[in-house]
Amino acid sequence: MMKLSIHYPWEQTEKGQGFFIPCLDTEAVREAGLKESVKLRILDAKATVGIRNGLMGVWFYRVPRAKN
């Protein structure tokens, strides 16, 4: 497995927010990003592969809080 040098800004991402990482190997980036979130004890992290502004990549986001 190759070493990825990507900074995942989980520390600044609040619930209901997300960030996009452009990449070609989407599965490796998705897996590494979710592992990084677990290391930081962010258990509500999700990731989906997609295209944004013509770039293929992974959209990471935190699930918004449930409204009561």
Protein backbone atom coordinates (compact mmCIF):
# COMPACT_ATOMS: atom_id res chain seq x y z
CA MET A 1 0.00 0.00 0.00
CA MET A 2 1.33 3.43 -0.85
CA LYS A 3 1.76 6.25 1.64
CA LEU A 4 -0.60 9.17 1.01
CA SER A 5 0.53 12.67 2.00
CA ILE A 6 -2.88 14.29 2.22
CA HIS A 7 -3.98 16.62 4.99
CA TYR A 8 -7.56 15.84 6.03
CA PRO A 9 -8.98 18.89 7.87
CA TRP A 10 -11.13 16.91 10.30
CA GLU A 11 -10.19 19.17 13.24
CA GLN A 12 -11.88 22.18 11.57
CA THR A 13 -14.88 20.27 10.18
CA GLU A 14 -17.99 20.69 12.29
CA LYS A 15 -21.12 18.55 12.13
CA GLY A 16 -23.00 19.20 8.90
CA GLN A 17 -19.86 20.39 7.08
CA GLY A 18 -17.52 18.65 4.67
CA PHE A 19 -14.50 18.96 2.40
CA PHE A 20 -13.46 17.65 -1.02
CA ILE A 21 -10.16 15.92 -1.82
CA PRO A 22 -9.47 15.66 -5.59
CA CYS A 23 -7.71 12.40 -6.50
CA LEU A 24 -7.48 9.57 -9.01
CA ASP A 25 -7.33 6.63 -6.59
CA THR A 26 -10.60 7.36 -4.84
CA GLU A 27 -10.79 4.11 -2.85
CA ALA A 28 -7.37 4.59 -1.23
CA VAL A 29 -8.11 8.23 -0.36
CA ARG A 30 -11.57 7.35 1.00
CA GLU A 31 -10.17 4.59 3.19
CA ALA A 32 -7.26 6.72 4.48
CA GLY A 33 -9.55 9.67 5.24
CA LEU A 34 -11.99 7.57 7.22
CA LYS A 35 -9.14 5.93 9.15
CA GLU A 36 -7.82 9.40 9.99
CA SER A 37 -11.24 10.43 11.31
CA VAL A 38 -11.38 7.39 13.60
CA LYS A 39 -7.91 8.23 14.96
CA LEU A 40 -9.31 11.65 15.91
CA ARG A 41 -12.42 9.99 17.43
CA ILE A 42 -14.75 11.46 14.83
CA LEU A 43 -17.16 8.57 14.48
CA ASP A 44 -19.87 10.33 12.44
CA ALA A 45 -17.64 10.78 9.37
CA LYS A 46 -18.88 9.67 5.95
CA ALA A 47 -17.29 9.69 2.49
CA THR A 48 -18.69 9.56 -1.01
CA VAL A 49 -16.95 9.49 -4.40
CA GLY A 50 -17.97 12.09 -6.95
CA ILE A 51 -17.08 14.87 -9.36
CA ARG A 52 -16.92 18.51 -8.24
CA ASN A 53 -16.01 21.38 -10.58
CA GLY A 54 -14.79 18.87 -13.16
CA LEU A 55 -12.45 17.08 -10.74
CA MET A 56 -12.92 13.50 -9.60
CA GLY A 57 -12.37 12.91 -5.91
CA VAL A 58 -13.88 12.12 -2.53
CA TRP A 59 -16.31 14.28 -0.54
CA PHE A 60 -15.85 13.79 3.20
CA TYR A 61 -18.51 15.09 5.56
CA ARG A 62 -19.84 14.83 9.09
CA VAL A 63 -23.43 13.87 9.64
CA PRO A 64 -25.48 16.86 10.88
CA ARG A 65 -27.06 16.74 14.30
CA ALA A 66 -30.55 15.30 14.44
CA LYS A 67 -33.25 17.89 15.09
CA ASN A 68 -35.61 16.94 17.89
